[in-house]
C-alpha atoms as a PDB file:
ATOM      1  CA  UNK A   1     -62.147  -5.610-249.103  1.00  0.00           C
ATOM      2  CA  UNK A   2     -61.949  -2.470-246.957  1.00  0.00           C
ATOM      3  CA  UNK A   3     -64.811  -0.302-245.715  1.00  0.00           C
ATOM      4  CA  UNK A   4     -64.435   2.345-248.439  1.00  0.00           C
ATOM      5  CA  UNK A   5     -64.658  -0.176-251.270  1.00  0.00           C
ATOM      6  CA  UNK A   6     -67.650  -1.903-249.670  1.00  0.00           C
ATOM      7  CA  UNK A   7     -69.554   1.371-249.242  1.00  0.00           C
ATOM      8  CA  UNK A   8     -68.733   2.463-252.802  1.00  0.00           C
ATOM      9  CA  UNK A   9     -70.030  -0.827-254.166  1.00  0.00           C
ATOM     10  CA  UNK A  10     -73.195  -0.477-252.105  1.00  0.00           C
ATOM     11  CA  UNK A  11     -73.792   3.059-253.408  1.00  0.00           C
ATOM     12  CA  UNK A  12     -73.577   1.782-256.982  1.00  0.00           C
ATOM     13  CA  UNK A  13     -76.279  -0.806-256.274  1.00  0.00           C
ATOM     14  CA  UNK A  14     -74.226  -3.861-255.329  1.00  0.00           C
ATOM     15  CA  UNK A  15     -75.842  -5.751-252.452  1.00  0.00           C
ATOM     16  CA  UNK A  16     -73.859  -9.019-252.548  1.00  0.00           C
ATOM     17  CA  UNK A  17     -71.035  -9.246-249.998  1.00  0.00           C
ATOM     18  CA  UNK A  18     -71.264 -12.952-249.199  1.00  0.00           C
ATOM     19  CA  UNK A  19     -68.324 -15.220-248.325  1.00  0.00           C
ATOM     20  CA  UNK A  20     -65.952 -12.258-247.859  1.00  0.00           C
ATOM     21  CA  UNK A  21     -63.118 -11.732-245.358  1.00  0.00           C
ATOM     22  CA  UNK A  22     -64.151  -8.553-243.521  1.00  0.00           C
ATOM     23  CA  UNK A  23     -62.281  -9.128-240.277  1.00  0.00           C
ATOM     24  CA  UNK A  24     -62.150  -6.009-238.042  1.00  0.00           C
ATOM     25  CA  UNK A  25     -63.907  -3.825-240.640  1.00  0.00           C
ATOM     26  CA  UNK A  26     -65.338  -0.524-239.345  1.00  0.00           C
ATOM     27  CA  UNK A  27     -68.719   0.595-240.693  1.00  0.00           C
ATOM     28  CA  UNK A  28     -70.217   3.049-238.214  1.00  0.00           C
ATOM     29  CA  UNK A  29     -73.650   4.648-238.750  1.00  0.00           C
ATOM     30  CA  UNK A  30     -73.817   3.371-242.340  1.00  0.00           C
ATOM     31  CA  UNK A  31     -76.903   2.266-244.275  1.00  0.00           C
ATOM     32  CA  UNK A  32     -76.408  -1.268-245.588  1.00  0.00           C
ATOM     33  CA  UNK A  33     -80.020  -2.388-245.546  1.00  0.00           C
ATOM     34  CA  UNK A  34     -80.864  -5.289-247.788  1.00  0.00           C
ATOM     35  CA  UNK A  35     -77.233  -6.383-248.190  1.00  0.00           C
ATOM     36  CA  UNK A  36     -76.180 -10.025-248.346  1.00  0.00           C
ATOM     37  CA  UNK A  37     -73.372 -10.897-245.903  1.00  0.00           C
ATOM     38  CA  UNK A  38     -74.125 -14.617-245.738  1.00  0.00           C
ATOM     39  CA  UNK A  39     -71.106 -16.787-244.824  1.00  0.00           C
ATOM     40  CA  UNK A  40     -68.871 -13.700-244.500  1.00  0.00           C
ATOM     41  CA  UNK A  41     -66.216 -13.302-241.797  1.00  0.00           C
ATOM     42  CA  UNK A  42     -66.987 -10.150-239.776  1.00  0.00           C
ATOM     43  CA  UNK A  43     -65.221 -11.110-236.581  1.00  0.00           C
ATOM     44  CA  UNK A  44     -64.255  -8.167-234.360  1.00  0.00           C
ATOM     45  CA  UNK A  45     -65.988  -5.768-236.772  1.00  0.00           C
ATOM     46  CA  UNK A  46     -67.107  -2.346-235.499  1.00  0.00           C
ATOM     47  CA  UNK A  47     -70.627  -1.807-236.794  1.00  0.00           C
ATOM     48  CA  UNK A  48     -72.245   0.496-234.238  1.00  0.00           C
ATOM     49  CA  UNK A  49     -75.526   2.173-235.280  1.00  0.00           C
ATOM     50  CA  UNK A  50     -75.341   0.742-238.794  1.00  0.00           C
ATOM     51  CA  UNK A  51     -78.614  -0.215-240.493  1.00  0.00           C
ATOM     52  CA  UNK A  52     -78.775  -3.838-241.680  1.00  0.00           C
ATOM     53  CA  UNK A  53     -82.565  -3.989-242.000  1.00  0.00           C
ATOM     54  CA  UNK A  54     -83.694  -6.919-244.169  1.00  0.00           C
ATOM     55  CA  UNK A  55     -80.076  -7.999-244.686  1.00  0.00           C
ATOM     56  CA  UNK A  56     -78.910 -11.611-244.931  1.00  0.00           C
ATOM     57  CA  UNK A  57     -76.366 -12.886-242.380  1.00  0.00           C
ATOM     58  CA  UNK A  58     -76.946 -16.613-242.835  1.00  0.00           C
ATOM     59  CA  UNK A  59     -74.034 -18.450-241.124  1.00  0.00           C
ATOM     60  CA  UNK A  60     -71.988 -15.234-241.037  1.00  0.00           C
ATOM     61  CA  UNK A  61     -69.386 -14.907-238.273  1.00  0.00           C
ATOM     62  CA  UNK A  62     -69.786 -11.758-236.160  1.00  0.00           C
ATOM     63  CA  UNK A  63     -67.996 -13.101-233.091  1.00  0.00           C
ATOM     64  CA  UNK A  64     -66.616 -10.352-230.806  1.00  0.00           C
ATOM     65  CA  UNK A  65     -68.158  -7.679-233.065  1.00  0.00           C
ATOM     66  CA  UNK A  66     -69.302  -4.323-231.677  1.00  0.00           C
ATOM     67  CA  UNK A  67     -72.914  -3.946-232.794  1.00  0.00           C
ATOM     68  CA  UNK A  68     -74.314  -1.507-230.244  1.00  0.00           C
ATOM     69  CA  UNK A  69     -77.400   0.269-231.548  1.00  0.00           C
ATOM     70  CA  UNK A  70     -77.275  -1.521-234.927  1.00  0.00           C
ATOM     71  CA  UNK A  71     -80.579  -2.098-236.729  1.00  0.00           C
ATOM     72  CA  UNK A  72     -81.261  -5.690-237.824  1.00  0.00           C
ATOM     73  CA  UNK A  73     -85.017  -5.281-238.329  1.00  0.00           C
ATOM     74  CA  UNK A  74     -86.374  -8.242-240.325  1.00  0.00           C
ATOM     75  CA  UNK A  75     -82.829  -9.525-240.946  1.00  0.00           C
ATOM     76  CA  UNK A  76     -82.377 -13.155-242.005  1.00  0.00           C
ATOM     77  CA  UNK A  77     -79.585 -14.627-239.907  1.00  0.00           C
ATOM     78  CA  UNK A  78     -80.053 -18.335-239.129  1.00  0.00           C
ATOM     79  CA  UNK A  79     -76.980 -20.007-237.613  1.00  0.00           C
ATOM     80  CA  UNK A  80     -75.202 -16.657-237.327  1.00  0.00           C
ATOM     81  CA  UNK A  81     -72.179 -16.559-235.001  1.00  0.00           C
ATOM     82  CA  UNK A  82     -72.458 -13.748-232.422  1.00  0.00           C
ATOM     83  CA  UNK A  83     -70.321 -15.221-229.665  1.00  0.00           C
ATOM     84  CA  UNK A  84     -68.979 -12.524-227.280  1.00  0.00           C
ATOM     85  CA  UNK A  85     -70.555  -9.812-229.470  1.00  0.00           C
ATOM     86  CA  UNK A  86     -71.765  -6.529-227.957  1.00  0.00           C
ATOM     87  CA  UNK A  87     -75.369  -6.031-229.097  1.00  0.00           C
ATOM     88  CA  UNK A  88     -76.334  -3.430-226.515  1.00  0.00           C
ATOM     89  CA  UNK A  89     -79.372  -1.481-227.684  1.00  0.00           C
ATOM     90  CA  UNK A  90     -79.504  -3.270-231.059  1.00  0.00           C
ATOM     91  CA  UNK A  91     -82.842  -3.735-232.835  1.00  0.00           C
ATOM     92  CA  UNK A  92     -83.870  -7.214-234.032  1.00  0.00           C
ATOM     93  CA  UNK A  93     -87.596  -6.639-234.558  1.00  0.00           C
ATOM     94  CA  UNK A  94     -88.962  -9.564-236.563  1.00  0.00           C
ATOM     95  CA  UNK A  95     -85.443 -10.904-237.199  1.00  0.00           C
ATOM     96  CA  UNK A  96     -84.792 -14.563-237.979  1.00  0.00           C
ATOM     97  CA  UNK A  97     -82.032 -15.892-235.686  1.00  0.00           C
ATOM     98  CA  UNK A  98     -82.801 -19.604-235.469  1.00  0.00           C
ATOM     99  CA  UNK A  99     -79.877 -21.572-234.070  1.00  0.00           C
ATOM    100  CA  UNK A 100     -77.748 -18.449-233.569  1.00  0.00           C
ATOM    101  CA  UNK A 101     -74.648 -18.695-231.360  1.00  0.00           C
ATOM    102  CA  UNK A 102     -74.921 -15.910-228.759  1.00  0.00           C
ATOM    103  CA  UNK A 103     -72.745 -17.488-226.073  1.00  0.00           C
ATOM    104  CA  UNK A 104     -71.518 -14.782-223.667  1.00  0.00           C
ATOM    105  CA  UNK A 105     -72.986 -12.057-225.899  1.00  0.00           C
ATOM    106  CA  UNK A 106     -74.136  -8.744-224.402  1.00  0.00           C
ATOM    107  CA  UNK A 107     -77.804  -8.049-225.167  1.00  0.00           C
ATOM    108  CA  UNK A 108     -78.632  -5.281-222.687  1.00  0.00           C
ATOM    109  CA  UNK A 109     -81.586  -3.237-223.886  1.00  0.00           C
ATOM    110  CA  UNK A 110     -81.848  -5.150-227.167  1.00  0.00           C
ATOM    111  CA  UNK A 111     -85.222  -5.070-228.938  1.00  0.00           C
ATOM    112  CA  UNK A 112     -86.240  -8.626-229.881  1.00  0.00           C
ATOM    113  CA  UNK A 113     -89.903  -7.927-230.565  1.00  0.00           C
ATOM    114  CA  UNK A 114     -91.283 -10.989-232.394  1.00  0.00           C
ATOM    115  CA  UNK A 115     -87.754 -12.182-233.242  1.00  0.00           C
ATOM    116  CA  UNK A 116     -87.157 -15.904-233.718  1.00  0.00           C
ATOM    117  CA  UNK A 117     -84.290 -17.262-231.601  1.00  0.00           C
ATOM    118  CA  UNK A 118     -85.566 -20.821-231.408  1.00  0.00           C
ATOM    119  CA  UNK A 119     -82.737 -23.236-230.734  1.00  0.00           C
ATOM    120  CA  UNK A 120     -80.266 -20.393-230.140  1.00  0.00           C
ATOM    121  CA  UNK A 121     -77.278 -20.747-227.793  1.00  0.00           C
ATOM    122  CA  UNK A 122     -77.323 -18.040-225.114  1.00  0.00           C
ATOM    123  CA  UNK A 123     -75.132 -19.731-222.519  1.00  0.00           C
ATOM    124  CA  UNK A 124     -73.836 -17.160-219.988  1.00  0.00           C
ATOM    125  CA  UNK A 125     -75.167 -14.330-222.160  1.00  0.00           C
ATOM    126  CA  UNK A 126     -76.054 -10.978-220.608  1.00  0.00           C
ATOM    127  CA  UNK A 127     -79.592 -11.229-221.916  1.00  0.00           C
ATOM    128  CA  UNK A 128     -81.643  -8.339-220.594  1.00  0.00           C
ATOM    129  CA  UNK A 129     -83.993  -7.196-223.372  1.00  0.00           C
ATOM    130  CA  UNK A 130     -86.472  -4.408-222.823  1.00  0.00           C
ATOM    131  CA  UNK A 131     -90.109  -3.777-223.831  1.00  0.00           C
ATOM    132  CA  UNK A 132     -92.845  -6.261-224.657  1.00  0.00           C
ATOM    133  CA  UNK A 133     -90.852  -8.820-226.611  1.00  0.00           C
ATOM    134  CA  UNK A 134     -93.013 -11.823-227.634  1.00  0.00           C
ATOM    135  CA  UNK A 135     -89.704 -13.422-228.632  1.00  0.00           C
ATOM    136  CA  UNK A 136     -89.535 -17.031-229.789  1.00  0.00           C
ATOM    137  CA  UNK A 137     -86.908 -18.736-227.617  1.00  0.00           C
ATOM    138  CA  UNK A 138     -88.327 -22.239-227.864  1.00  0.00           C
ATOM    139  CA  UNK A 139     -85.621 -24.811-227.233  1.00  0.00           C
ATOM    140  CA  UNK A 140     -82.981 -22.112-226.695  1.00  0.00           C
ATOM    141  CA  UNK A 141     -80.050 -22.827-224.381  1.00  0.00           C
ATOM    142  CA  UNK A 142     -79.853 -20.077-221.745  1.00  0.00           C
ATOM    143  CA  UNK A 143     -77.784 -21.921-219.140  1.00  0.00           C
ATOM    144  CA  UNK A 144     -76.325 -19.443-216.674  1.00  0.00           C
ATOM    145  CA  UNK A 145     -77.628 -16.472-218.674  1.00  0.00           C
ATOM    146  CA  UNK A 146     -78.299 -13.186-216.898  1.00  0.00           C
ATOM    147  CA  UNK A 147     -81.934 -12.195-217.400  1.00  0.00           C
ATOM    148  CA  UNK A 148     -82.264 -10.156-214.229  1.00  0.00           C
ATOM    149  CA  UNK A 149     -84.900  -7.425-214.727  1.00  0.00           C
ATOM    150  CA  UNK A 150     -85.469  -8.646-218.311  1.00  0.00           C
ATOM    151  CA  UNK A 151     -88.882  -7.991-219.827  1.00  0.00           C
ATOM    152  CA  UNK A 152     -90.028 -11.086-221.702  1.00  0.00           C
ATOM    153  CA  UNK A 153     -93.788 -10.896-221.381  1.00  0.00           C
ATOM    154  CA  UNK A 154     -95.401 -13.194-223.921  1.00  0.00           C
ATOM    155  CA  UNK A 155     -92.108 -14.906-224.826  1.00  0.00           C
ATOM    156  CA  UNK A 156     -92.092 -18.471-226.101  1.00  0.00           C
ATOM    157  CA  UNK A 157     -89.645 -20.412-223.912  1.00  0.00           C
ATOM    158  CA  UNK A 158     -91.075 -23.905-224.269  1.00  0.00           C
ATOM    159  CA  UNK A 159     -88.383 -26.551-223.666  1.00  0.00           C
ATOM    160  CA  UNK A 160     -85.771 -23.833-223.184  1.00  0.00           C
ATOM    161  CA  UNK A 161     -82.832 -24.614-220.890  1.00  0.00           C
ATOM    162  CA  UNK A 162     -82.675 -21.914-218.195  1.00  0.00           C
ATOM    163  CA  UNK A 163     -80.804 -23.996-215.638  1.00  0.00           C
ATOM    164  CA  UNK A 164     -78.742 -21.798-213.366  1.00  0.00           C
ATOM    165  CA  UNK A 165     -79.991 -18.661-215.111  1.00  0.00           C
ATOM    166  CA  UNK A 166     -80.437 -15.391-213.228  1.00  0.00           C
ATOM    167  CA  UNK A 167     -84.039 -14.205-213.515  1.00  0.00           C
ATOM    168  CA  UNK A 168     -84.200 -12.002-210.438  1.00  0.00           C
ATOM    169  CA  UNK A 169     -87.119  -9.551-210.824  1.00  0.00           C
ATOM    170  CA  UNK A 170     -87.600 -10.585-214.451  1.00  0.00           C
ATOM    171  CA  UNK A 171     -90.977  -9.804-215.996  1.00  0.00           C
ATOM    172  CA  UNK A 172     -92.334 -13.029-217.470  1.00  0.00           C
ATOM    173  CA  UNK A 173     -95.998 -12.436-216.737  1.00  0.00           C
ATOM    174  CA  UNK A 174     -98.810 -12.474-219.230  1.00  0.00           C
ATOM    175  CA  UNK A 175     -99.400  -8.908-220.422  1.00  0.00           C
ATOM    176  CA  UNK A 176    -102.146  -6.730-219.018  1.00  0.00           C
ATOM    177  CA  UNK A 177    -104.198  -6.568-222.233  1.00  0.00           C
ATOM    178  CA  UNK A 178    -107.032  -9.114-222.471  1.00  0.00           C
ATOM    179  CA  UNK A 179    -105.553 -10.432-225.729  1.00  0.00           C
ATOM    180  CA  UNK A 180    -101.957 -10.475-224.459  1.00  0.00           C
ATOM    181  CA  UNK A 181    -100.093 -13.718-225.250  1.00  0.00           C
ATOM    182  CA  UNK A 182     -99.196 -16.038-222.404  1.00  0.00           C
ATOM    183  CA  UNK A 183     -95.522 -16.480-221.559  1.00  0.00           C
ATOM    184  CA  UNK A 184     -94.865 -20.104-222.456  1.00  0.00           C
ATOM    185  CA  UNK A 185     -92.383 -22.013-220.277  1.00  0.00           C
ATOM    186  CA  UNK A 186     -93.849 -25.449-220.988  1.00  0.00           C
ATOM    187  CA  UNK A 187     -91.291 -28.155-220.107  1.00  0.00           C
ATOM    188  CA  UNK A 188     -88.618 -25.496-219.598  1.00  0.00           C
ATOM    189  CA  UNK A 189     -85.623 -26.440-217.460  1.00  0.00           C
ATOM    190  CA  UNK A 190     -85.402 -23.892-214.622  1.00  0.00           C
ATOM    191  CA  UNK A 191     -83.382 -26.136-212.334  1.00  0.00           C
ATOM    192  CA  UNK A 192     -81.305 -24.026-209.954  1.00  0.00           C
ATOM    193  CA  UNK A 193     -82.468 -20.782-211.565  1.00  0.00           C
ATOM    194  CA  UNK A 194     -82.745 -17.576-209.542  1.00  0.00           C
ATOM    195  CA  UNK A 195     -86.405 -16.549-209.896  1.00  0.00           C
ATOM    196  CA  UNK A 196     -86.452 -14.391-206.791  1.00  0.00           C
ATOM    197  CA  UNK A 197     -89.108 -11.661-207.042  1.00  0.00           C
ATOM    198  CA  UNK A 198     -89.722 -12.510-210.709  1.00  0.00           C
ATOM    199  CA  UNK A 199     -93.272 -12.023-212.001  1.00  0.00           C
ATOM    200  CA  UNK A 200     -94.663 -15.177-213.641  1.00  0.00           C
ATOM    201  CA  UNK A 201     -98.331 -14.283-213.278  1.00  0.00           C
ATOM    202  CA  UNK A 202    -100.433 -16.250-215.728  1.00  0.00           C
ATOM    203  CA  UNK A 203     -97.379 -17.957-217.247  1.00  0.00           C
ATOM    204  CA  UNK A 204     -97.618 -21.492-218.618  1.00  0.00           C
ATOM    205  CA  UNK A 205     -95.217 -23.731-216.655  1.00  0.00           C
ATOM    206  CA  UNK A 206     -96.698 -27.133-217.481  1.00  0.00           C
ATOM    207  CA  UNK A 207     -94.083 -29.831-216.948  1.00  0.00           C
ATOM    208  CA  UNK A 208     -91.378 -27.278-216.124  1.00  0.00           C
ATOM    209  CA  UNK A 209     -88.473 -28.312-213.883  1.00  0.00           C
ATOM    210  CA  UNK A 210     -88.143 -25.862-210.986  1.00  0.00           C
ATOM    211  CA  UNK A 211     -86.090 -28.174-208.781  1.00  0.00           C
ATOM    212  CA  UNK A 212     -83.600 -26.172-206.738  1.00  0.00           C
ATOM    213  CA  UNK A 213     -84.894 -22.853-208.091  1.00  0.00           C
ATOM    214  CA  UNK A 214     -84.975 -19.812-205.818  1.00  0.00           C
ATOM    215  CA  UNK A 215     -88.639 -18.781-205.628  1.00  0.00           C
ATOM    216  CA  UNK A 216     -88.223 -16.169-202.899  1.00  0.00           C
ATOM    217  CA  UNK A 217     -90.906 -13.570-203.528  1.00  0.00           C
ATOM    218  CA  UNK A 218     -91.733 -15.049-206.946  1.00  0.00           C
ATOM    219  CA  UNK A 219     -95.218 -14.116-208.184  1.00  0.00           C
ATOM    220  CA  UNK A 220     -97.009 -17.173-209.574  1.00  0.00           C
ATOM    221  CA  UNK A 221    -100.610 -15.921-209.489  1.00  0.00           C
ATOM    222  CA  UNK A 222    -102.758 -17.872-211.971  1.00  0.00           C
ATOM    223  CA  UNK A 223     -99.650 -19.575-213.398  1.00  0.00           C
ATOM    224  CA  UNK A 224    -100.268 -23.052-214.813  1.00  0.00           C
ATOM    225  CA  UNK A 225     -97.983 -25.435-212.901  1.00  0.00           C
ATOM    226  CA  UNK A 226     -99.597 -28.663-214.082  1.00  0.00           C
ATOM    227  CA  UNK A 227     -97.013 -31.441-213.913  1.00  0.00           C
ATOM    228  CA  UNK A 228     -94.245 -29.048-212.888  1.00  0.00           C
ATOM    229  CA  UNK A 229     -91.450 -30.224-210.582  1.00  0.00           C
ATOM    230  CA  UNK A 230     -91.280 -27.774-207.689  1.00  0.00           C
ATOM    231  CA  UNK A 231     -88.443 -27.184-205.181  1.00  0.00           C
ATOM    232  CA  UNK A 232     -88.519 -29.471-202.164  1.00  0.00           C
ATOM    233  CA  UNK A 233     -89.717 -27.940-198.950  1.00  0.00           C
END
Protein backbone atom coordinates (compact mmCIF):
# COMPACT_ATOMS: atom_id res chain seq x y z
CA UNK A 1 0.00 0.00 0.00
CA UNK A 2 1.34 3.45 -0.88
CA UNK A 3 0.73 6.73 0.93
CA UNK A 4 -2.01 7.93 -1.44
CA UNK A 5 -4.09 4.77 -1.03
CA UNK A 6 -3.67 4.83 2.75
CA UNK A 7 -4.79 8.46 3.01
CA UNK A 8 -7.76 7.85 0.69
CA UNK A 9 -8.87 4.91 2.81
CA UNK A 10 -8.53 7.01 5.96
CA UNK A 11 -10.64 9.81 4.46
CA UNK A 12 -13.42 7.32 3.70
CA UNK A 13 -13.48 6.21 7.34
CA UNK A 14 -11.14 3.22 7.30
CA UNK A 15 -8.96 3.15 10.42
CA UNK A 16 -7.52 -0.38 10.20
CA UNK A 17 -3.99 -0.58 8.76
CA UNK A 18 -2.66 -3.44 10.87
CA UNK A 19 -0.14 -6.06 9.71
CA UNK A 20 0.73 -4.09 6.55
CA UNK A 21 4.06 -3.65 4.75
CA UNK A 22 4.58 0.13 4.78
CA UNK A 23 8.36 0.19 4.52
CA UNK A 24 9.75 3.68 3.72
CA UNK A 25 6.27 5.22 3.38
CA UNK A 26 6.11 9.04 3.51
CA UNK A 27 3.21 10.63 5.40
CA UNK A 28 4.23 14.16 6.34
CA UNK A 29 1.92 16.49 8.32
CA UNK A 30 -1.04 14.12 7.88
CA UNK A 31 -3.87 13.47 10.33
CA UNK A 32 -4.10 9.75 11.08
CA UNK A 33 -5.44 9.97 14.61
CA UNK A 34 -7.19 6.90 15.90
CA UNK A 35 -5.72 4.61 13.23
CA UNK A 36 -4.67 1.03 13.93
CA UNK A 37 -1.12 0.24 12.76
CA UNK A 38 -0.56 -2.69 15.11
CA UNK A 39 2.00 -5.24 13.86
CA UNK A 40 2.66 -3.17 10.71
CA UNK A 41 6.12 -2.71 9.18
CA UNK A 42 6.92 1.03 9.06
CA UNK A 43 10.68 0.78 9.04
CA UNK A 44 12.47 3.84 7.63
CA UNK A 45 9.11 5.62 7.23
CA UNK A 46 9.05 9.43 7.03
CA UNK A 47 6.25 10.58 9.32
CA UNK A 48 7.32 14.05 10.45
CA UNK A 49 4.62 16.21 12.11
CA UNK A 50 1.91 13.62 11.47
CA UNK A 51 -0.83 13.24 14.08
CA UNK A 52 -1.22 9.71 15.46
CA UNK A 53 -3.14 10.70 18.59
CA UNK A 54 -4.96 7.73 20.15
CA UNK A 55 -3.59 5.41 17.45
CA UNK A 56 -2.57 1.79 18.02
CA UNK A 57 1.04 0.77 17.28
CA UNK A 58 1.12 -2.45 19.29
CA UNK A 59 4.27 -4.38 18.23
CA UNK A 60 4.61 -2.22 15.11
CA UNK A 61 8.12 -1.78 13.68
CA UNK A 62 9.16 1.86 13.28
CA UNK A 63 12.90 1.23 13.37
CA UNK A 64 14.97 4.00 11.72
CA UNK A 65 11.78 6.01 11.08
CA UNK A 66 11.82 9.82 10.98
CA UNK A 67 9.17 10.93 13.46
CA UNK A 68 10.29 14.44 14.36
CA UNK A 69 7.43 16.53 15.72
CA UNK A 70 4.89 13.69 15.33
CA UNK A 71 1.97 13.62 17.77
CA UNK A 72 1.42 10.31 19.60
CA UNK A 73 -0.76 11.72 22.39
CA UNK A 74 -2.52 8.85 24.21
CA UNK A 75 -1.24 6.35 21.63
CA UNK A 76 -1.24 2.65 22.54
CA UNK A 77 2.12 1.21 21.54
CA UNK A 78 3.33 -1.58 23.84
CA UNK A 79 6.35 -3.49 22.51
CA UNK A 80 6.72 -1.05 19.62
CA UNK A 81 10.07 -1.11 17.80
CA UNK A 82 11.64 2.37 17.60
CA UNK A 83 15.29 1.39 17.36
CA UNK A 84 17.44 4.17 15.79
CA UNK A 85 14.28 6.25 15.19
CA UNK A 86 14.42 10.06 15.21
CA UNK A 87 11.73 11.26 17.63
CA UNK A 88 13.04 14.79 18.10
CA UNK A 89 10.29 17.06 19.39
CA UNK A 90 7.63 14.31 19.22
CA UNK A 91 4.70 14.35 21.64
CA UNK A 92 3.89 11.22 23.68
CA UNK A 93 1.66 12.75 26.36
CA UNK A 94 -0.11 9.92 28.17
CA UNK A 95 1.16 7.37 25.63
CA UNK A 96 1.49 3.68 26.48
CA UNK A 97 4.98 2.45 25.50
CA UNK A 98 5.57 -0.45 27.88
CA UNK A 99 8.48 -2.62 26.77
CA UNK A 100 9.24 -0.41 23.75
CA UNK A 101 12.59 -0.84 21.98
CA UNK A 102 14.19 2.63 21.79
CA UNK A 103 17.81 1.52 21.54
CA UNK A 104 19.92 4.35 20.08
CA UNK A 105 16.78 6.39 19.37
CA UNK A 106 16.92 10.20 19.32
CA UNK A 107 14.49 11.73 21.83
CA UNK A 108 15.74 15.32 22.07
CA UNK A 109 12.98 17.64 23.24
CA UNK A 110 10.37 14.86 23.26
CA UNK A 111 7.32 15.39 25.48
CA UNK A 112 6.75 12.28 27.62
CA UNK A 113 4.39 13.84 30.14
CA UNK A 114 2.79 10.96 32.08
CA UNK A 115 3.85 8.45 29.40
CA UNK A 116 4.44 4.84 30.41
CA UNK A 117 7.83 3.49 29.31
CA UNK A 118 8.14 0.88 32.03
CA UNK A 119 10.46 -1.91 30.97
CA UNK A 120 11.51 -0.03 27.82
CA UNK A 121 14.95 -0.46 26.24
CA UNK A 122 16.74 2.89 25.92
CA UNK A 123 20.31 1.64 25.68
CA UNK A 124 22.59 4.38 24.26
CA UNK A 125 19.54 6.49 23.40
CA UNK A 126 19.83 10.27 23.14
CA UNK A 127 17.17 10.73 25.79
CA UNK A 128 16.85 14.41 26.63
CA UNK A 129 13.15 15.16 27.18
CA UNK A 130 11.98 18.61 28.18
CA UNK A 131 9.36 19.98 30.61
CA UNK A 132 7.93 18.41 33.74
CA UNK A 133 7.61 14.82 32.60
CA UNK A 134 6.35 12.54 35.42
CA UNK A 135 7.26 9.69 33.06
CA UNK A 136 7.04 6.07 34.16
CA UNK A 137 10.45 4.51 33.43
CA UNK A 138 10.30 1.84 36.11
CA UNK A 139 12.56 -1.06 35.20
CA UNK A 140 13.66 0.62 31.96
CA UNK A 141 17.12 -0.12 30.58
CA UNK A 142 18.97 3.17 30.02
CA UNK A 143 22.53 1.83 29.96
CA UNK A 144 24.84 4.41 28.42
CA UNK A 145 21.92 6.70 27.54
CA UNK A 146 22.52 10.43 27.19
CA UNK A 147 20.28 12.31 29.62
CA UNK A 148 22.50 15.35 30.00
CA UNK A 149 20.35 18.41 30.81
CA UNK A 150 17.21 16.23 30.69
CA UNK A 151 14.25 17.37 32.76
CA UNK A 152 12.72 14.36 34.50
CA UNK A 153 11.29 15.88 37.66
CA UNK A 154 8.82 13.48 39.22
CA UNK A 155 9.82 10.58 36.95
CA UNK A 156 9.43 7.00 38.12
CA UNK A 157 12.81 5.30 37.65
CA UNK A 158 12.56 2.60 40.30
CA UNK A 159 14.80 -0.37 39.43
CA UNK A 160 15.84 1.31 36.18
CA UNK A 161 19.30 0.50 34.82
CA UNK A 162 21.19 3.79 34.34
CA UNK A 163 24.67 2.29 34.53
CA UNK A 164 27.13 4.36 32.55
CA UNK A 165 24.43 6.87 31.63
CA UNK A 166 25.23 10.55 31.14
CA UNK A 167 23.14 12.66 33.52
CA UNK A 168 25.33 15.75 33.65
CA UNK A 169 23.21 18.71 34.87
CA UNK A 170 20.03 16.64 34.57
CA UNK A 171 17.03 17.87 36.55
CA UNK A 172 15.78 14.97 38.65
CA UNK A 173 14.68 16.95 41.68
CA UNK A 174 11.27 16.93 43.24
CA UNK A 175 9.25 19.80 41.76
CA UNK A 176 8.83 23.11 43.52
CA UNK A 177 5.08 22.75 44.13
CA UNK A 178 4.13 21.38 47.56
CA UNK A 179 2.19 18.56 45.87
CA UNK A 180 4.90 17.80 43.30
CA UNK A 181 5.68 14.08 42.94
CA UNK A 182 9.03 12.80 44.15
CA UNK A 183 11.48 11.51 41.55
CA UNK A 184 11.71 7.81 42.34
CA UNK A 185 15.09 6.13 41.82
CA UNK A 186 14.51 3.36 44.35
CA UNK A 187 16.95 0.48 43.72
CA UNK A 188 18.05 2.11 40.46
CA UNK A 189 21.43 1.08 39.06
CA UNK A 190 23.50 4.26 38.65
CA UNK A 191 26.84 2.48 38.70
CA UNK A 192 29.42 4.50 36.78
CA UNK A 193 26.85 7.12 35.78
CA UNK A 194 27.86 10.74 35.23
CA UNK A 195 25.73 12.71 37.71
CA UNK A 196 27.99 15.74 37.77
CA UNK A 197 26.06 18.90 38.69
CA UNK A 198 22.75 17.03 38.40
CA UNK A 199 19.95 18.14 40.73
CA UNK A 200 18.53 15.25 42.78
CA UNK A 201 17.04 17.37 45.56
CA UNK A 202 14.36 15.45 47.41
CA UNK A 203 14.73 12.41 45.14
CA UNK A 204 14.12 8.91 46.49
CA UNK A 205 17.35 6.88 46.11
CA UNK A 206 16.65 4.10 48.61
CA UNK A 207 18.81 1.09 47.81
CA UNK A 208 20.22 2.72 44.67
CA UNK A 209 23.67 1.69 43.43
CA UNK A 210 25.86 4.77 42.98
CA UNK A 211 29.16 2.88 43.01
CA UNK A 212 31.65 4.56 40.69
CA UNK A 213 29.23 7.38 39.85
CA UNK A 214 30.58 10.89 39.28
CA UNK A 215 28.92 13.05 41.94
CA UNK A 216 30.97 16.19 41.29
CA UNK A 217 28.71 19.11 42.17
CA UNK A 218 25.65 16.84 42.43
CA UNK A 219 22.84 18.35 44.52
CA UNK A 220 21.44 15.77 46.94
CA UNK A 221 19.67 18.07 49.41
CA UNK A 222 16.94 16.17 51.28
CA UNK A 223 17.41 13.15 48.99
CA UNK A 224 16.59 9.80 50.62
CA UNK A 225 19.75 7.67 50.39
CA UNK A 226 18.64 4.96 52.80
CA UNK A 227 20.49 1.75 51.95
CA UNK A 228 22.13 3.30 48.89
CA UNK A 229 25.62 2.20 47.83
CA UNK A 230 27.74 5.33 47.51
CA UNK A 231 31.07 5.83 45.68
CA UNK A 232 34.13 4.96 47.74
CA UNK A 233 36.10 7.86 49.08
